[in-house]
């Protein structure tokens, strides 16, 4: 299943039904995705942040939002049980999706620009 939910509510409903979550992307989109999941009480489902093989090793074995950052090939044990949320800028999502399909990940969701805007709109009131 490869989908792009267009609202935070739809994403949260899908995550609630999953056993685990892996956030693919350790930048600003990934961090905001993590914070929105935590705001809904779903942080316990997050296993890790995932990055590509070509990422700098300095990122590996570090934490983001309290979760480890690991190369995606180290997370293949979750390919059937986790939702993978591709939380990157749109121009690299197709390449990441191809890699995930090659590794046989089954449940892939994208953070679209519309979903990112929805996250941001819901995130700002947390600070007001």
Protein backbone atom coordinates (compact mmCIF):
# COMPACT_ATOMS: atom_id res chain seq x y z
CA UNK A 1 0.00 0.00 0.00
CA UNK A 2 1.42 3.35 -1.05
CA UNK A 3 -0.67 6.38 -0.13
CA UNK A 4 -0.46 10.07 0.51
CA UNK A 5 -3.00 11.09 3.16
CA UNK A 6 -3.88 14.76 2.77
CA UNK A 7 -4.81 15.53 6.35
CA UNK A 8 -3.23 14.94 9.71
CA UNK A 9 -6.44 13.28 10.91
CA UNK A 10 -6.27 10.66 8.12
CA UNK A 11 -2.61 9.94 8.82
CA UNK A 12 -3.24 9.63 12.56
CA UNK A 13 -6.09 7.16 11.94
CA UNK A 14 -3.79 5.01 9.80
CA UNK A 15 -1.00 5.14 12.37
CA UNK A 16 -3.40 4.14 15.17
CA UNK A 17 -4.15 0.93 13.26
CA UNK A 18 -0.49 0.05 12.78
CA UNK A 19 1.81 -1.79 15.12
CA UNK A 20 4.96 0.25 14.39
CA UNK A 21 6.00 3.43 12.59
CA UNK A 22 9.29 4.28 10.91
CA UNK A 23 9.80 7.88 9.82
CA UNK A 24 11.98 8.01 6.72
CA UNK A 25 13.75 11.34 6.80
CA UNK A 26 15.71 13.02 9.57
CA UNK A 27 15.22 16.64 8.52
CA UNK A 28 12.59 19.25 9.27
CA UNK A 29 9.74 17.28 7.65
CA UNK A 30 10.65 14.14 9.61
CA UNK A 31 10.96 16.03 12.88
CA UNK A 32 7.58 17.75 12.42
CA UNK A 33 5.98 14.40 11.53
CA UNK A 34 7.38 12.90 14.73
CA UNK A 35 6.16 15.82 16.84
CA UNK A 36 2.65 15.54 15.41
CA UNK A 37 2.54 11.79 16.12
CA UNK A 38 3.73 12.46 19.67
CA UNK A 39 1.10 15.19 20.10
CA UNK A 40 -1.53 12.52 19.39
CA UNK A 41 -0.03 10.10 21.92
CA UNK A 42 1.45 7.81 19.27
CA UNK A 43 5.13 8.20 20.08
CA UNK A 44 5.27 4.68 21.51
CA UNK A 45 4.67 3.28 18.02
CA UNK A 46 7.74 4.98 16.52
CA UNK A 47 10.64 2.54 16.13
CA UNK A 48 13.20 4.76 14.45
CA UNK A 49 14.02 7.41 11.92
CA UNK A 50 15.36 5.89 8.71
CA UNK A 51 17.89 7.32 6.27
CA UNK A 52 19.33 6.19 2.95
CA UNK A 53 22.55 4.30 2.46
CA UNK A 54 24.30 7.41 1.23
CA UNK A 55 23.70 9.46 4.39
CA UNK A 56 26.67 10.66 6.37
CA UNK A 57 27.64 8.30 9.17
CA UNK A 58 27.61 11.24 11.61
CA UNK A 59 23.80 10.98 11.65
CA UNK A 60 23.81 7.31 12.49
CA UNK A 61 23.61 6.23 16.10
CA UNK A 62 22.32 9.67 17.06
CA UNK A 63 18.83 10.55 18.26
CA UNK A 64 16.13 12.78 16.85
CA UNK A 65 13.10 13.52 19.05
CA UNK A 66 14.40 10.75 21.30
CA UNK A 67 14.44 8.07 18.57
CA UNK A 68 17.45 6.48 16.87
CA UNK A 69 18.48 7.27 13.31
CA UNK A 70 19.33 4.12 11.35
CA UNK A 71 19.96 3.12 7.77
CA UNK A 72 16.82 1.68 6.20
CA UNK A 73 18.39 -1.70 5.46
CA UNK A 74 18.81 -2.23 9.22
CA UNK A 75 15.02 -1.96 9.64
CA UNK A 76 13.85 -4.63 7.17
CA UNK A 77 12.51 -6.78 10.01
CA UNK A 78 9.63 -4.25 10.14
CA UNK A 79 8.78 -4.38 6.43
CA UNK A 80 5.44 -6.13 7.04
CA UNK A 81 4.51 -4.72 10.46
CA UNK A 82 5.39 -1.03 10.23
CA UNK A 83 4.03 1.95 8.38
CA UNK A 84 6.89 3.79 6.71
CA UNK A 85 6.18 7.51 6.52
CA UNK A 86 8.33 9.15 3.86
CA UNK A 87 8.84 12.53 5.50
CA UNK A 88 11.10 14.29 3.02
CA UNK A 89 10.82 17.01 0.43
CA UNK A 90 8.83 15.83 -2.62
CA UNK A 91 11.77 15.81 -5.06
CA UNK A 92 13.37 12.75 -3.41
CA UNK A 93 10.26 10.76 -2.51
CA UNK A 94 10.12 8.70 -5.71
CA UNK A 95 13.69 7.49 -5.25
CA UNK A 96 12.98 6.57 -1.61
CA UNK A 97 9.78 4.77 -2.58
CA UNK A 98 11.67 2.72 -5.19
CA UNK A 99 14.24 1.72 -2.56
CA UNK A 100 11.53 0.76 -0.06
CA UNK A 101 9.74 -1.35 -2.66
CA UNK A 102 13.04 -3.03 -3.54
CA UNK A 103 13.42 -3.88 0.18
CA UNK A 104 9.80 -5.15 0.14
CA UNK A 105 8.30 -2.68 2.62
CA UNK A 106 4.54 -3.03 2.35
CA UNK A 107 2.96 0.02 4.00
CA UNK A 108 4.31 3.29 2.65
CA UNK A 109 2.81 6.72 3.27
CA UNK A 110 4.02 10.07 1.98
CA UNK A 111 4.05 13.47 3.61
CA UNK A 112 2.72 15.53 0.72
CA UNK A 113 3.07 19.32 0.64
CA UNK A 114 -0.63 19.55 1.59
CA UNK A 115 -0.13 17.23 4.58
CA UNK A 116 2.97 19.17 5.64
CA UNK A 117 0.95 22.42 5.61
CA UNK A 118 -1.75 20.70 7.66
CA UNK A 119 0.88 19.53 10.20
CA UNK A 120 2.25 23.04 10.44
CA UNK A 121 -1.22 24.58 10.90
CA UNK A 122 -1.93 22.13 13.72
CA UNK A 123 1.53 22.56 15.28
CA UNK A 124 1.48 26.35 15.67
CA UNK A 125 -1.54 26.44 18.06
CA UNK A 126 0.39 24.15 20.45
CA UNK A 127 2.57 27.17 21.21
CA UNK A 128 -0.12 29.87 21.51
